[in-house]
Amino acid sequence: MIDNDNFEQNLDRLIELCQRLKRDNQALRNREVGLLGERSQLMKKNEMAKQKVETMINRLQALSAEQ
């Protein structure tokens, strides 16, 4: 009887742990999706800023060459 009770307690703890790990895993997956989206947006903004800086440099070089 004692072994059966102990087994049931261990099983309940294991089920609880499994459920918690599933929730944690889902939360981490959701966070990963959000971070990947944010990364993509930042890369696009970075590329746009790079193009603007390159355009400004080219304009400055053209102005400098005219003088």
PDB file of N, CA and C in Angstrom:
ATOM      1  N   MET A   1       0.824  -1.192   0.000  1.00  0.00           N
ATOM      2  CA  MET A   1       0.000   0.000   0.000  1.00  0.00           C
ATOM      3  C   MET A   1       0.868   1.256   0.000  1.00  0.00           C
ATOM      4  N   ILE A   2       1.917   1.238   0.811  1.00  0.00           N
ATOM      5  CA  ILE A   2       2.798   2.405   0.895  1.00  0.00           C
ATOM      6  C   ILE A   2       3.492   2.627  -0.445  1.00  0.00           C
ATOM      7  N   ASP A   3       3.937   1.541  -1.064  1.00  0.00           N
ATOM      8  CA  ASP A   3       4.598   1.672  -2.359  1.00  0.00           C
ATOM      9  C   ASP A   3       3.648   2.231  -3.409  1.00  0.00           C
ATOM     10  N   ASN A   4       2.400   1.823  -3.333  1.00  0.00           N
ATOM     11  CA  ASN A   4       1.399   2.304  -4.282  1.00  0.00           C
ATOM     12  C   ASN A   4       1.155   3.800  -4.091  1.00  0.00           C
ATOM     13  N   ASP A   5       1.055   4.250  -2.838  1.00  0.00           N
ATOM     14  CA  ASP A   5       0.868   5.676  -2.557  1.00  0.00           C
ATOM     15  C   ASP A   5       2.075   6.481  -3.026  1.00  0.00           C
ATOM     16  N   ASN A   6       3.250   5.958  -2.739  1.00  0.00           N
ATOM     17  CA  ASN A   6       4.483   6.626  -3.154  1.00  0.00           C
ATOM     18  C   ASN A   6       4.547   6.716  -4.679  1.00  0.00           C
ATOM     19  N   PHE A   7       4.170   5.631  -5.329  1.00  0.00           N
ATOM     20  CA  PHE A   7       4.159   5.622  -6.791  1.00  0.00           C
ATOM     21  C   PHE A   7       3.199   6.678  -7.333  1.00  0.00           C
ATOM     22  N   GLU A   8       2.013   6.756  -6.758  1.00  0.00           N
ATOM     23  CA  GLU A   8       1.024   7.735  -7.205  1.00  0.00           C
ATOM     24  C   GLU A   8       1.519   9.163  -6.990  1.00  0.00           C
ATOM     25  N   GLN A   9       2.164   9.407  -5.868  1.00  0.00           N
ATOM     26  CA  GLN A   9       2.710  10.748  -5.601  1.00  0.00           C
ATOM     27  C   GLN A   9       3.789  11.096  -6.621  1.00  0.00           C
ATOM     28  N   ASN A  10       4.659  10.147  -6.875  1.00  0.00           N
ATOM     29  CA  ASN A  10       5.719  10.381  -7.862  1.00  0.00           C
ATOM     30  C   ASN A  10       5.136  10.603  -9.254  1.00  0.00           C
ATOM     31  N   LEU A  11       4.112   9.837  -9.572  1.00  0.00           N
ATOM     32  CA  LEU A  11       3.466   9.989 -10.866  1.00  0.00           C
ATOM     33  C   LEU A  11       2.802  11.360 -10.984  1.00  0.00           C
ATOM     34  N   ASP A  12       2.134  11.794  -9.932  1.00  0.00           N
ATOM     35  CA  ASP A  12       1.506  13.119  -9.932  1.00  0.00           C
ATOM     36  C   ASP A  12       2.545  14.223 -10.109  1.00  0.00           C
ATOM     37  N   ARG A  13       3.672  14.088  -9.420  1.00  0.00           N
ATOM     38  CA  ARG A  13       4.746  15.086  -9.556  1.00  0.00           C
ATOM     39  C   ARG A  13       5.308  15.085 -10.974  1.00  0.00           C
ATOM     40  N   LEU A  14       5.449  13.903 -11.526  1.00  0.00           N
ATOM     41  CA  LEU A  14       5.973  13.792 -12.886  1.00  0.00           C
ATOM     42  C   LEU A  14       5.009  14.416 -13.898  1.00  0.00           C
ATOM     43  N   ILE A  15       3.728  14.177 -13.722  1.00  0.00           N
ATOM     44  CA  ILE A  15       2.720  14.771 -14.611  1.00  0.00           C
ATOM     45  C   ILE A  15       2.741  16.288 -14.489  1.00  0.00           C
ATOM     46  N   GLU A  16       2.833  16.778 -13.263  1.00  0.00           N
ATOM     47  CA  GLU A  16       2.889  18.229 -13.035  1.00  0.00           C
ATOM     48  C   GLU A  16       4.130  18.834 -13.680  1.00  0.00           C
ATOM     49  N   LEU A  17       5.259  18.158 -13.524  1.00  0.00           N
ATOM     50  CA  LEU A  17       6.504  18.634 -14.133  1.00  0.00           C
ATOM     51  C   LEU A  17       6.386  18.654 -15.655  1.00  0.00           C
ATOM     52  N   CYS A  18       5.808  17.617 -16.216  1.00  0.00           N
ATOM     53  CA  CYS A  18       5.632  17.543 -17.670  1.00  0.00           C
ATOM     54  C   CYS A  18       4.759  18.692 -18.167  1.00  0.00           C
ATOM     55  N   GLN A  19       3.683  18.970 -17.455  1.00  0.00           N
ATOM     56  CA  GLN A  19       2.793  20.063 -17.849  1.00  0.00           C
ATOM     57  C   GLN A  19       3.503  21.412 -17.760  1.00  0.00           C
ATOM     58  N   ARG A  20       4.286  21.595 -16.706  1.00  0.00           N
ATOM     59  CA  ARG A  20       5.029  22.854 -16.550  1.00  0.00           C
ATOM     60  C   ARG A  20       6.053  23.013 -17.665  1.00  0.00           C
ATOM     61  N   LEU A  21       6.749  21.927 -17.983  1.00  0.00           N
ATOM     62  CA  LEU A  21       7.748  21.992 -19.053  1.00  0.00           C
ATOM     63  C   LEU A  21       7.101  22.273 -20.410  1.00  0.00           C
ATOM     64  N   LYS A  22       5.911  21.723 -20.638  1.00  0.00           N
ATOM     65  CA  LYS A  22       5.195  22.018 -21.884  1.00  0.00           C
ATOM     66  C   LYS A  22       4.838  23.498 -21.965  1.00  0.00           C
ATOM     67  N   ARG A  23       4.363  24.059 -20.844  1.00  0.00           N
ATOM     68  CA  ARG A  23       4.024  25.490 -20.831  1.00  0.00           C
ATOM     69  C   ARG A  23       5.271  26.340 -21.055  1.00  0.00           C
ATOM     70  N   ASP A  24       6.353  25.980 -20.368  1.00  0.00           N
ATOM     71  CA  ASP A  24       7.603  26.728 -20.532  1.00  0.00           C
ATOM     72  C   ASP A  24       8.102  26.643 -21.972  1.00  0.00           C
ATOM     73  N   ASN A  25       8.013  25.458 -22.541  1.00  0.00           N
ATOM     74  CA  ASN A  25       8.464  25.252 -23.916  1.00  0.00           C
ATOM     75  C   ASN A  25       7.642  26.100 -24.881  1.00  0.00           C
ATOM     76  N   GLN A  26       6.331  26.126 -24.685  1.00  0.00           N
ATOM     77  CA  GLN A  26       5.470  26.921 -25.562  1.00  0.00           C
ATOM     78  C   GLN A  26       5.783  28.409 -25.418  1.00  0.00           C
ATOM     79  N   ALA A  27       6.016  28.845 -24.179  1.00  0.00           N
ATOM     80  CA  ALA A  27       6.360  30.251 -23.954  1.00  0.00           C
ATOM     81  C   ALA A  27       7.672  30.597 -24.656  1.00  0.00           C
ATOM     82  N   LEU A  28       8.639  29.698 -24.592  1.00  0.00           N
ATOM     83  CA  LEU A  28       9.922  29.942 -25.260  1.00  0.00           C
ATOM     84  C   LEU A  28       9.762  29.964 -26.783  1.00  0.00           C
ATOM     85  N   ARG A  29       8.927  29.095 -27.303  1.00  0.00           N
ATOM     86  CA  ARG A  29       8.688  29.092 -28.755  1.00  0.00           C
ATOM     87  C   ARG A  29       8.012  30.392 -29.195  1.00  0.00           C
ATOM     88  N   ASN A  30       7.049  30.848 -28.401  1.00  0.00           N
ATOM     89  CA  ASN A  30       6.385  32.117 -28.718  1.00  0.00           C
ATOM     90  C   ASN A  30       7.377  33.268 -28.677  1.00  0.00           C
ATOM     91  N   ARG A  31       8.250  33.256 -27.679  1.00  0.00           N
ATOM     92  CA  ARG A  31       9.264  34.309 -27.558  1.00  0.00           C
ATOM     93  C   ARG A  31      10.216  34.272 -28.750  1.00  0.00           C
ATOM     94  N   GLU A  32      10.586  33.067 -29.164  1.00  0.00           N
ATOM     95  CA  GLU A  32      11.484  32.926 -30.312  1.00  0.00           C
ATOM     96  C   GLU A  32      10.850  33.520 -31.569  1.00  0.00           C
ATOM     97  N   VAL A  33       9.578  33.240 -31.784  1.00  0.00           N
ATOM     98  CA  VAL A  33       8.878  33.782 -32.951  1.00  0.00           C
ATOM     99  C   VAL A  33       8.899  35.309 -32.906  1.00  0.00           C
ATOM    100  N   GLY A  34       8.615  35.872 -31.728  1.00  0.00           N
ATOM    101  CA  GLY A  34       8.631  37.328 -31.583  1.00  0.00           C
ATOM    102  C   GLY A  34      10.007  37.910 -31.834  1.00  0.00           C
ATOM    103  N   LEU A  35      11.025  37.258 -31.289  1.00  0.00           N
ATOM    104  CA  LEU A  35      12.390  37.759 -31.468  1.00  0.00           C
ATOM    105  C   LEU A  35      12.848  37.654 -32.920  1.00  0.00           C
ATOM    106  N   LEU A  36      12.447  36.589 -33.597  1.00  0.00           N
ATOM    107  CA  LEU A  36      12.813  36.461 -35.011  1.00  0.00           C
ATOM    108  C   LEU A  36      12.146  37.546 -35.847  1.00  0.00           C
ATOM    109  N   GLY A  37      10.899  37.861 -35.521  1.00  0.00           N
ATOM    110  CA  GLY A  37      10.217  38.952 -36.223  1.00  0.00           C
ATOM    111  C   GLY A  37      10.886  40.283 -35.966  1.00  0.00           C
ATOM    112  N   GLU A  38      11.253  40.513 -34.707  1.00  0.00           N
ATOM    113  CA  GLU A  38      11.936  41.763 -34.353  1.00  0.00           C
ATOM    114  C   GLU A  38      13.285  41.851 -35.057  1.00  0.00           C
ATOM    115  N   ARG A  39      13.993  40.734 -35.120  1.00  0.00           N
ATOM    116  CA  ARG A  39      15.298  40.702 -35.791  1.00  0.00           C
ATOM    117  C   ARG A  39      15.148  41.059 -37.268  1.00  0.00           C
ATOM    118  N   SER A  40      14.132  40.503 -37.890  1.00  0.00           N
ATOM    119  CA  SER A  40      13.892  40.783 -39.306  1.00  0.00           C
ATOM    120  C   SER A  40      13.626  42.267 -39.531  1.00  0.00           C
ATOM    121  N   GLN A  41      12.808  42.860 -38.683  1.00  0.00           N
ATOM    122  CA  GLN A  41      12.516  44.294 -38.804  1.00  0.00           C
ATOM    123  C   GLN A  41      13.778  45.127 -38.602  1.00  0.00           C
ATOM    124  N   LEU A  42      14.585  44.764 -37.620  1.00  0.00           N
ATOM    125  CA  LEU A  42      15.814  45.514 -37.361  1.00  0.00           C
ATOM    126  C   LEU A  42      16.800  45.394 -38.521  1.00  0.00           C
ATOM    127  N   MET A  43      16.856  44.220 -39.131  1.00  0.00           N
ATOM    128  CA  MET A  43      17.750  44.048 -40.280  1.00  0.00           C
ATOM    129  C   MET A  43      17.296  44.920 -41.452  1.00  0.00           C
ATOM    130  N   LYS A  44      15.979  45.017 -41.664  1.00  0.00           N
ATOM    131  CA  LYS A  44      15.463  45.876 -42.732  1.00  0.00           C
ATOM    132  C   LYS A  44      15.787  47.338 -42.447  1.00  0.00           C
ATOM    133  N   LYS A  45      15.575  47.768 -41.202  1.00  0.00           N
ATOM    134  CA  LYS A  45      15.881  49.156 -40.834  1.00  0.00           C
ATOM    135  C   LYS A  45      17.369  49.436 -40.996  1.00  0.00           C
ATOM    136  N   ASN A  46      18.187  48.482 -40.617  1.00  0.00           N
ATOM    137  CA  ASN A  46      19.633  48.639 -40.743  1.00  0.00           C
ATOM    138  C   ASN A  46      20.035  48.777 -42.210  1.00  0.00           C
ATOM    139  N   GLU A  47      19.433  47.982 -43.068  1.00  0.00           N
ATOM    140  CA  GLU A  47      19.743  48.056 -44.495  1.00  0.00           C
ATOM    141  C   GLU A  47      19.307  49.402 -45.073  1.00  0.00           C
ATOM    142  N   MET A  48      18.140  49.887 -44.659  1.00  0.00           N
ATOM    143  CA  MET A  48      17.673  51.193 -45.143  1.00  0.00           C
ATOM    144  C   MET A  48      18.609  52.302 -44.666  1.00  0.00           C
ATOM    145  N   ALA A  49      19.041  52.236 -43.417  1.00  0.00           N
ATOM    146  CA  ALA A  49      19.961  53.248 -42.891  1.00  0.00           C
ATOM    147  C   ALA A  49      21.292  53.190 -43.638  1.00  0.00           C
ATOM    148  N   LYS A  50      21.755  51.996 -43.925  1.00  0.00           N
ATOM    149  CA  LYS A  50      23.010  51.825 -44.667  1.00  0.00           C
ATOM    150  C   LYS A  50      22.903  52.460 -46.054  1.00  0.00           C
ATOM    151  N   GLN A  51      21.783  52.235 -46.725  1.00  0.00           N
ATOM    152  CA  GLN A  51      21.589  52.813 -48.054  1.00  0.00           C
ATOM    153  C   GLN A  51      21.545  54.337 -47.990  1.00  0.00           C
ATOM    154  N   LYS A  52      20.892  54.885 -46.972  1.00  0.00           N
ATOM    155  CA  LYS A  52      20.831  56.345 -46.825  1.00  0.00           C
ATOM    156  C   LYS A  52      22.218  56.926 -46.585  1.00  0.00           C
ATOM    157  N   VAL A  53      23.000  56.271 -45.743  1.00  0.00           N
ATOM    158  CA  VAL A  53      24.359  56.756 -45.463  1.00  0.00           C
ATOM    159  C   VAL A  53      25.208  56.688 -46.730  1.00  0.00           C
ATOM    160  N   GLU A  54      25.090  55.591 -47.474  1.00  0.00           N
ATOM    161  CA  GLU A  54      25.851  55.469 -48.720  1.00  0.00           C
ATOM    162  C   GLU A  54      25.448  56.552 -49.719  1.00  0.00           C
ATOM    163  N   THR A  55      24.162  56.856 -49.785  1.00  0.00           N
ATOM    164  CA  THR A  55      23.684  57.922 -50.672  1.00  0.00           C
ATOM    165  C   THR A  55      24.263  59.263 -50.250  1.00  0.00           C
ATOM    166  N   MET A  56      24.270  59.541 -48.953  1.00  0.00           N
ATOM    167  CA  MET A  56      24.831  60.806 -48.456  1.00  0.00           C
ATOM    168  C   MET A  56      26.319  60.894 -48.755  1.00  0.00           C
ATOM    169  N   ILE A  57      27.027  59.801 -48.582  1.00  0.00           N
ATOM    170  CA  ILE A  57      28.468  59.794 -48.867  1.00  0.00           C
ATOM    171  C   ILE A  57      28.706  60.075 -50.348  1.00  0.00           C
ATOM    172  N   ASN A  58      27.927  59.442 -51.198  1.00  0.00           N
ATOM    173  CA  ASN A  58      28.079  59.667 -52.644  1.00  0.00           C
ATOM    174  C   ASN A  58      27.787  61.118 -53.011  1.00  0.00           C
ATOM    175  N   ARG A  59      26.770  61.701 -52.404  1.00  0.00           N
ATOM    176  CA  ARG A  59      26.451  63.110 -52.672  1.00  0.00           C
ATOM    177  C   ARG A  59      27.587  64.016 -52.210  1.00  0.00           C
ATOM    178  N   LEU A  60      28.116  63.736 -51.025  1.00  0.00           N
ATOM    179  CA  LEU A  60      29.227  64.550 -50.516  1.00  0.00           C
ATOM    180  C   LEU A  60      30.456  64.414 -51.409  1.00  0.00           C
ATOM    181  N   GLN A  61      30.719  63.207 -51.876  1.00  0.00           N
ATOM    182  CA  GLN A  61      31.858  63.009 -52.771  1.00  0.00           C
ATOM    183  C   GLN A  61      31.639  63.746 -54.094  1.00  0.00           C
ATOM    184  N   ALA A  62      30.413  63.735 -54.580  1.00  0.00           N
ATOM    185  CA  ALA A  62      30.107  64.447 -55.828  1.00  0.00           C
ATOM    186  C   ALA A  62      30.273  65.945 -55.633  1.00  0.00           C
ATOM    187  N   LEU A  63      29.812  66.467 -54.503  1.00  0.00           N
ATOM    188  CA  LEU A  63      29.975  67.898 -54.214  1.00  0.00           C
ATOM    189  C   LEU A  63      31.449  68.258 -54.085  1.00  0.00           C
ATOM    190  N   SER A  64      32.191  67.396 -53.450  1.00  0.00           N
ATOM    191  CA  SER A  64      33.617  67.643 -53.263  1.00  0.00           C
ATOM    192  C   SER A  64      34.349  67.613 -54.607  1.00  0.00           C
ATOM    193  N   ALA A  65      33.954  66.737 -55.490  1.00  0.00           N
ATOM    194  CA  ALA A  65      34.595  66.627 -56.804  1.00  0.00           C
ATOM    195  C   ALA A  65      34.285  67.837 -57.673  1.00  0.00           C
ATOM    196  N   GLU A  66      33.118  68.452 -57.482  1.00  0.00           N
ATOM    197  CA  GLU A  66      32.738  69.628 -58.264  1.00  0.00           C
ATOM    198  C   GLU A  66      33.571  70.842 -57.884  1.00  0.00           C
ATOM    199  N   GLN A  67      34.061  70.873 -56.691  1.00  0.00           N
ATOM    200  CA  GLN A  67      34.780  72.072 -56.224  1.00  0.00           C
ATOM    201  C   GLN A  67      36.213  72.041 -56.569  1.00  0.00           C
TER     202      GLN A  67
END
